[in-house]
């Protein structure tokens, strides 16, 4: 019984500490998708298509300079739509500037036979205030016919 009480106390303390340092928000913006059938020739003449994205994020503050930030975003590019779920490790390199890095899980509704893809994201965010940020993200596709994407957006935290 003593152990159950200790474990319950520990879990409630950790949970309340994390919730006190957790914020939620929305983000959205524009994306530029670089399609190229042959990744070896990327940059020579890729087809570029403009799209949009929007969704939610949760920011878990681990320390002043280190955060964990998962996101759930809906993206549209032309006739294609997909869900993007990146999981970022965020490091503040300056007071208002952070770098984010992590994998992103993607589910394509109507683009590929293999609808699920894992990609890599690298991002930076400038925090105008505690609640408003501008972000720039680059997503790298690892597979053939998996486009690279550049995102420009705004985030609003609560």
Protein backbone atom coordinates (compact mmCIF):
# COMPACT_ATOMS: atom_id res chain seq x y z
CA UNK A 1 0.00 0.00 0.00
CA UNK A 2 2.87 2.31 0.83
CA UNK A 3 4.32 1.79 -2.69
CA UNK A 4 1.01 2.56 -4.38
CA UNK A 5 0.78 5.83 -2.46
CA UNK A 6 4.39 6.73 -3.34
CA UNK A 7 3.91 5.93 -7.05
CA UNK A 8 0.63 7.88 -7.16
CA UNK A 9 2.25 10.87 -5.46
CA UNK A 10 5.25 10.75 -7.81
CA UNK A 11 3.11 10.49 -10.97
CA UNK A 12 0.79 13.32 -9.88
CA UNK A 13 3.79 15.54 -9.07
CA UNK A 14 5.41 14.90 -12.45
CA UNK A 15 2.11 15.41 -14.28
CA UNK A 16 1.32 18.68 -12.52
CA UNK A 17 4.87 19.96 -13.16
CA UNK A 18 4.64 19.10 -16.87
CA UNK A 19 1.18 20.63 -17.22
CA UNK A 20 2.34 23.83 -15.53
CA UNK A 21 5.08 24.13 -18.16
CA UNK A 22 2.95 23.04 -21.14
CA UNK A 23 1.40 25.32 -23.71
CA UNK A 24 -0.86 24.63 -26.66
CA UNK A 25 -1.24 26.49 -29.91
CA UNK A 26 -2.19 26.67 -33.56
CA UNK A 27 0.00 27.28 -36.57
CA UNK A 28 -0.48 27.69 -40.26
CA UNK A 29 1.02 29.11 -43.39
CA UNK A 30 2.21 28.40 -46.89
CA UNK A 31 4.42 25.60 -48.22
CA UNK A 32 6.49 25.19 -51.36
CA UNK A 33 6.82 21.59 -52.56
CA UNK A 34 9.70 20.59 -54.82
CA UNK A 35 8.67 17.59 -56.92
CA UNK A 36 11.31 15.75 -58.90
CA UNK A 37 11.10 12.16 -60.05
CA UNK A 38 14.85 11.69 -59.85
CA UNK A 39 16.30 12.78 -56.49
CA UNK A 40 19.82 12.71 -57.98
CA UNK A 41 18.82 15.62 -60.21
CA UNK A 42 17.22 17.68 -57.44
CA UNK A 43 17.75 21.34 -58.10
CA UNK A 44 18.23 21.14 -61.87
CA UNK A 45 14.60 21.69 -62.81
CA UNK A 46 12.19 20.57 -60.09
CA UNK A 47 8.50 21.30 -60.39
CA UNK A 48 7.48 23.66 -57.56
CA UNK A 49 3.93 23.78 -56.27
CA UNK A 50 2.52 26.12 -53.62
CA UNK A 51 0.19 24.83 -50.90
CA UNK A 52 -1.02 25.51 -47.37
CA UNK A 53 -0.87 23.96 -43.92
CA UNK A 54 -2.58 24.38 -40.57
CA UNK A 55 -2.88 22.52 -37.32
CA UNK A 56 -2.12 22.24 -33.63
CA UNK A 57 0.99 21.92 -31.48
CA UNK A 58 1.85 21.20 -27.85
CA UNK A 59 4.98 22.67 -26.29
CA UNK A 60 6.49 20.84 -23.30
CA UNK A 61 9.05 23.04 -21.57
CA UNK A 62 11.78 20.81 -20.15
CA UNK A 63 14.17 23.67 -19.29
CA UNK A 64 14.64 27.31 -20.32
CA UNK A 65 16.53 26.32 -23.45
CA UNK A 66 15.12 22.86 -24.24
CA UNK A 67 11.53 21.99 -25.24
CA UNK A 68 9.74 19.04 -26.84
CA UNK A 69 7.09 19.99 -29.40
CA UNK A 70 4.84 17.49 -31.20
CA UNK A 71 2.52 18.82 -33.89
CA UNK A 72 -0.44 17.60 -35.93
CA UNK A 73 -0.84 19.43 -39.24
CA UNK A 74 -3.13 19.14 -42.26
CA UNK A 75 -1.42 20.02 -45.55
CA UNK A 76 -2.64 20.62 -49.05
CA UNK A 77 -0.59 20.83 -52.23
CA UNK A 78 -2.60 21.10 -55.42
CA UNK A 79 -4.95 18.13 -55.51
CA UNK A 80 -2.99 16.25 -52.80
CA UNK A 81 -3.79 16.28 -49.07
CA UNK A 82 -1.99 14.70 -46.16
CA UNK A 83 -1.51 14.66 -42.40
CA UNK A 84 1.91 15.54 -41.02
CA UNK A 85 2.89 14.70 -37.43
CA UNK A 86 6.38 15.96 -36.60
CA UNK A 87 7.99 15.36 -33.21
CA UNK A 88 10.52 18.11 -32.54
CA UNK A 89 13.31 18.60 -30.07
CA UNK A 90 13.55 22.38 -29.71
CA UNK A 91 16.66 24.20 -28.52
CA UNK A 92 16.78 27.94 -27.88
CA UNK A 93 20.03 29.28 -29.33
CA UNK A 94 19.12 32.83 -28.22
CA UNK A 95 16.35 34.39 -26.15
CA UNK A 96 13.89 34.62 -29.06
CA UNK A 97 15.37 32.17 -31.58
CA UNK A 98 15.03 28.39 -31.50
CA UNK A 99 16.06 25.47 -33.69
CA UNK A 100 13.83 22.41 -34.03
CA UNK A 101 14.83 19.01 -35.34
CA UNK A 102 13.05 15.69 -35.57
CA UNK A 103 11.24 13.05 -37.54
CA UNK A 104 7.85 13.62 -39.10
CA UNK A 105 5.28 10.95 -39.78
CA UNK A 106 3.17 11.57 -42.88
CA UNK A 107 -0.02 9.98 -44.12
CA UNK A 108 -0.86 10.80 -47.76
CA UNK A 109 -4.54 10.51 -48.63
CA UNK A 110 -4.26 10.37 -52.40
CA UNK A 111 -0.68 10.55 -53.63
CA UNK A 112 1.14 7.23 -53.31
CA UNK A 113 0.45 3.53 -53.07
CA UNK A 114 2.55 3.56 -49.90
CA UNK A 115 0.52 6.16 -48.03
CA UNK A 116 2.70 6.29 -44.90
CA UNK A 117 6.14 7.94 -45.03
CA UNK A 118 8.74 8.98 -42.46
CA UNK A 119 10.65 12.15 -43.22
CA UNK A 120 13.15 14.45 -41.48
CA UNK A 121 12.37 18.04 -40.48
CA UNK A 122 14.67 20.90 -39.57
CA UNK A 123 13.10 24.16 -38.51
CA UNK A 124 13.76 27.50 -36.93
CA UNK A 125 11.37 29.77 -35.06
CA UNK A 126 11.59 33.41 -34.08
CA UNK A 127 9.45 34.19 -31.03
CA UNK A 128 8.05 37.74 -31.20
CA UNK A 129 6.43 37.21 -27.79
CA UNK A 130 5.58 34.31 -25.53
CA UNK A 131 2.52 33.60 -27.70
CA UNK A 132 3.48 34.55 -31.29
CA UNK A 133 6.18 33.00 -33.48
CA UNK A 134 7.24 32.93 -37.11
CA UNK A 135 8.67 29.65 -38.34
CA UNK A 136 10.59 28.30 -41.30
CA UNK A 137 10.77 24.55 -41.82
CA UNK A 138 12.38 22.28 -44.39
CA UNK A 139 11.20 18.68 -44.78
CA UNK A 140 13.40 16.12 -46.50
CA UNK A 141 11.88 13.11 -48.24
CA UNK A 142 14.04 9.99 -48.10
CA UNK A 143 12.32 7.92 -50.78
CA UNK A 144 12.07 8.35 -54.53
CA UNK A 145 9.06 10.51 -55.44
CA UNK A 146 8.92 11.85 -51.89
CA UNK A 147 9.12 15.61 -52.36
CA UNK A 148 11.10 18.07 -50.29
CA UNK A 149 9.04 20.90 -48.80
CA UNK A 150 9.76 24.40 -47.49
CA UNK A 151 7.23 25.85 -45.00
CA UNK A 152 6.73 29.47 -43.92
CA UNK A 153 4.22 30.03 -41.15
CA UNK A 154 2.99 31.67 -37.99
CA UNK A 155 2.20 30.06 -34.65
CA UNK A 156 -0.06 31.33 -31.87
CA UNK A 157 0.25 29.81 -28.39
CA UNK A 158 -2.31 29.81 -25.58
